[in-house]
Amino acid sequence: MAKGTTVRMWRRTLTVMIVMAIAFGIVIFNLIRLQLVDGEELKRAAIDQSLQPTTLSAERGTIYDRNGKVLAQSASVWTVALEPAYIEEEDKTTLVRGLAEILDMEESEVQELADKDTYFTYVKRKVENDVKDEILAFLEENDISRGVQLITDYKRYYPYGNFMGPVLGFVGTDNTGLSGLEYQYDTELSGTAGRLVTAKNAVGTDMPFQYEQRVEAEDGYDLVLTIDEGIQHFLEEGLEEGIENFNVANGACAIAMNVKTGAILGLATKGDYDPNDPWTIVDEEVAKEIEAMPEGTEEEKAVKDQATSNALQKQWRNKAVSDTYYPGSVFKMCTGSMAMEEGIVSEESTFTCNHSYLVEGTGQYINCWAYGHGTQTFVEGLCNSCNPFFVHLGQELGAERFFKYFEAFGFTEKTGIDLPGEASTIYYTADQLNPMELATESFGQNFSITPIHMLAAACAVANGGYLVQPHVVDHMVDADGNIVMTADTSYKRQVISTDTSERMVKILNTNATQGTAKSGYIAGYRICGKTGTSQKILEDNLDKTKKHYIASYCGFAPADDPEIALLIYYDEPDPSINYYGGSVAGPTFAKCMEQILEYLGVERQYTEEELEKIDTTTPSVTGMTVEEAEKAAGDAGLSVTVKGSGGTVLEQIPAFGESIPQGGSIVLYTDEDSKEETVTVPDLTGMSLSAANEAAANAGIQIRVTGAALTSSNPVSQTQDIAEGTKVRPGTVITVGFIEVDQVQ
């Protein structure tokens, strides 16, 4: 028995020893693994658990126009945070009540944050400086020294409101770009956030050792644009006036570009929005419709949310780069350039237009907008905007050659403009261009491009044949003022020869003075232009009898050395008023281009014929006696009308230096009572030049004419810059825009 017991004891002892050896082995193995294998990772995890990081915001870069005017900037605001672990219990109620009142929050919401078992929690972001100052005063007044942190942050501001909204875009609550340039250059503008790291225990209070590391934020780059704030204002104001005059339903855009560099000097889109408040629907009618939509069920709420999203996306959309359209007759400058380059046509080449053109092999006819132009030269054909002539040119070119130039002009690829959302074009390849497609494309129908595409192609026609790269950012600057990026202004390729370009420029200049583009004519500035009226194809248009159009005018100036190209585009003008490119877009082109050229200091060069018709400027006669004023006005070829019984001129209308028609009259005010007199502006539209002058004279005002009145034998007034019914001073000069009577598609 004793021997058996001893054996059993040894067995048990051996078993225990083996178990203990295995256990110790496992422990030793894990110690080795934890220290040698996983040691560094666990050390990092331990440090991470004991460290409390706080993000230090980088200041977003500023966006400037080409002259240094601020278009978008970040200003200091504050993030309010609580440190619950440091809040004294006797201060908590006072602190919660005070912060809730200052920050316009519910007390229960602040109380919940203050009761958290943590070191740090956010309360409110983007707090303005005055609110921050109020918080500091409150803390000082109540002798609260711990528990609240105010962290520097930044908020984006757009000083000009809805000015350039779709171009600039906007940022979200986290300062991330969501649209426009803010989105396109978000990485460059954002900079790099910094970090403040401090050591804390599990509940967020100080540990026995101190650790703090600060990595400073790197501010974002500034953008200096090619856009000129002055030119941009001209475009935006011009579009707003045109939209009102022609009851344009679907917005408009205008682009001004340097023909030699591709630099965008102005890019306006209407309707638009205020990037300071991008989430508010600007169209009041649409906003009311959405507000009235039911949202009782999940399905109804989803429908309303989708309607809101669609409305916001529409107002954020940049039509100049994101919308495609049939360019219409504006494209004829490209087809004409192709044919001239290939030697198919010259200025003297003739074609007989008998109203319609039978497209070979199709049995189908394409009609001219006119009854028939008869035999005409190529110059006359373009000036008449004769569709059959250009169908003929397209057929002579053939699909392969036509598409070769179509591709060279850049229509088969995106322009690469540095704005988001650029649309792809819709077109037929050379293999797909059957005779009918080729015929319609020859005069700008049946393919879709963006407005920026059309203007880039027009620049190639104007600048010697070179395709430019459109761009809106000229250069980027870092926080130290160093230029870190400059736009590439080199040409992409040469599309047509310099000789063809120069010849086409002369033809387009003739078109603006004698042809269908007269509505864009500006005395002294040698305008080149082409109108376009294209029909829209709407998939959701159930009423096939209702037509929708895009009216456009594209041109450049001065003709002897083109500098500025301009495209005006109206989407769905009211057909009951007018929808033709020359009538709708031409006056806006003339007004904006004249303002731009004057602003840039381009000198006018008048012909002798123009000198006989152009306006003059008023001399300064204020302060003179009536007799002296009459003599000064007479020397300038002007008459005077005296108001009041005084002997000295107290005020004159028009004022010194203002434009006035030759042979016009200056109204002289000689006492205070006479200065109160007003007259009512009549409706001056829909009249001949003589009738408009007579109506103005009868009302005691004067008119200054623009557009086709200076070149056409039968012009009709289309617009006036001061509305009918407005009260003005006698002698006030009203600018009246005239168009050609013949309507051209």
Foldseek 3Di string as FASTA:
>chain_A
DVVVVVVVVVVVVVVVVVVVVVVVVVVVVVVCCCCPPVVVVVVVVVQVLFKDKDKAFAFFAFEAEQVRHTFKGKDKFKWKKWQLVPFDPVCLVVLLVQCCVLVVHDSVLSSVRNPDLAGMDTDDPRHHPVSVVVSVVSCVVVVPDHTMDIHIDIDMDGVVFFQCDLQCAAADPVQQGDHHPSPLCVVQRRFFIKMWMWGHDNSHHDDPDTDIDTGHTFGHWYFYWPEDSLLQVLFQVLQVVLCVQQVFDQWWWKWKAFLQQQGTHYIDIPPAGTNVCLLDQPPPVLVVVLVPFDDPDPVSVVVSVVSSVVSSCSRSDRQQFAPKDQFFQLCLLLLLLLCVQVVNFDQFDKDWWCQWDQQPPPRDIDGFPDNTDGIDGPLVCSLASGLNVLLVSLVVCALVSVQVLCVVLPLQAGLPESGPNGDGKFADHSVRCDRVRSSQVSRRPDIIHGNSSSQQSQSCLAAFQFRWRNYTTQFIAGPVGDTPDGDDRDTPDGSGGSVSSLSSLVSQLCSCQPGQQQLQDDFQKSKGKHWGKDWDDDPPPPPPVDTWIKTKMWIFTDSVHTTMIMMIIGGGRPVVQPRHNNQSHRNSNNSSVVSVCVVVVPGGDHDPLVVVWAWDWDAAQAFHFPVVNQVSQVVQQEGEAEFDDAGGFHAKPPHGGDTATRHYYIYGYHDDVRVPDWFFAADQFFAWPVVSQVSQVVRQEGEHEHGNNSRDPTKTWSDWPDDGGDIDRGHYYIYTRIHHPDGGD
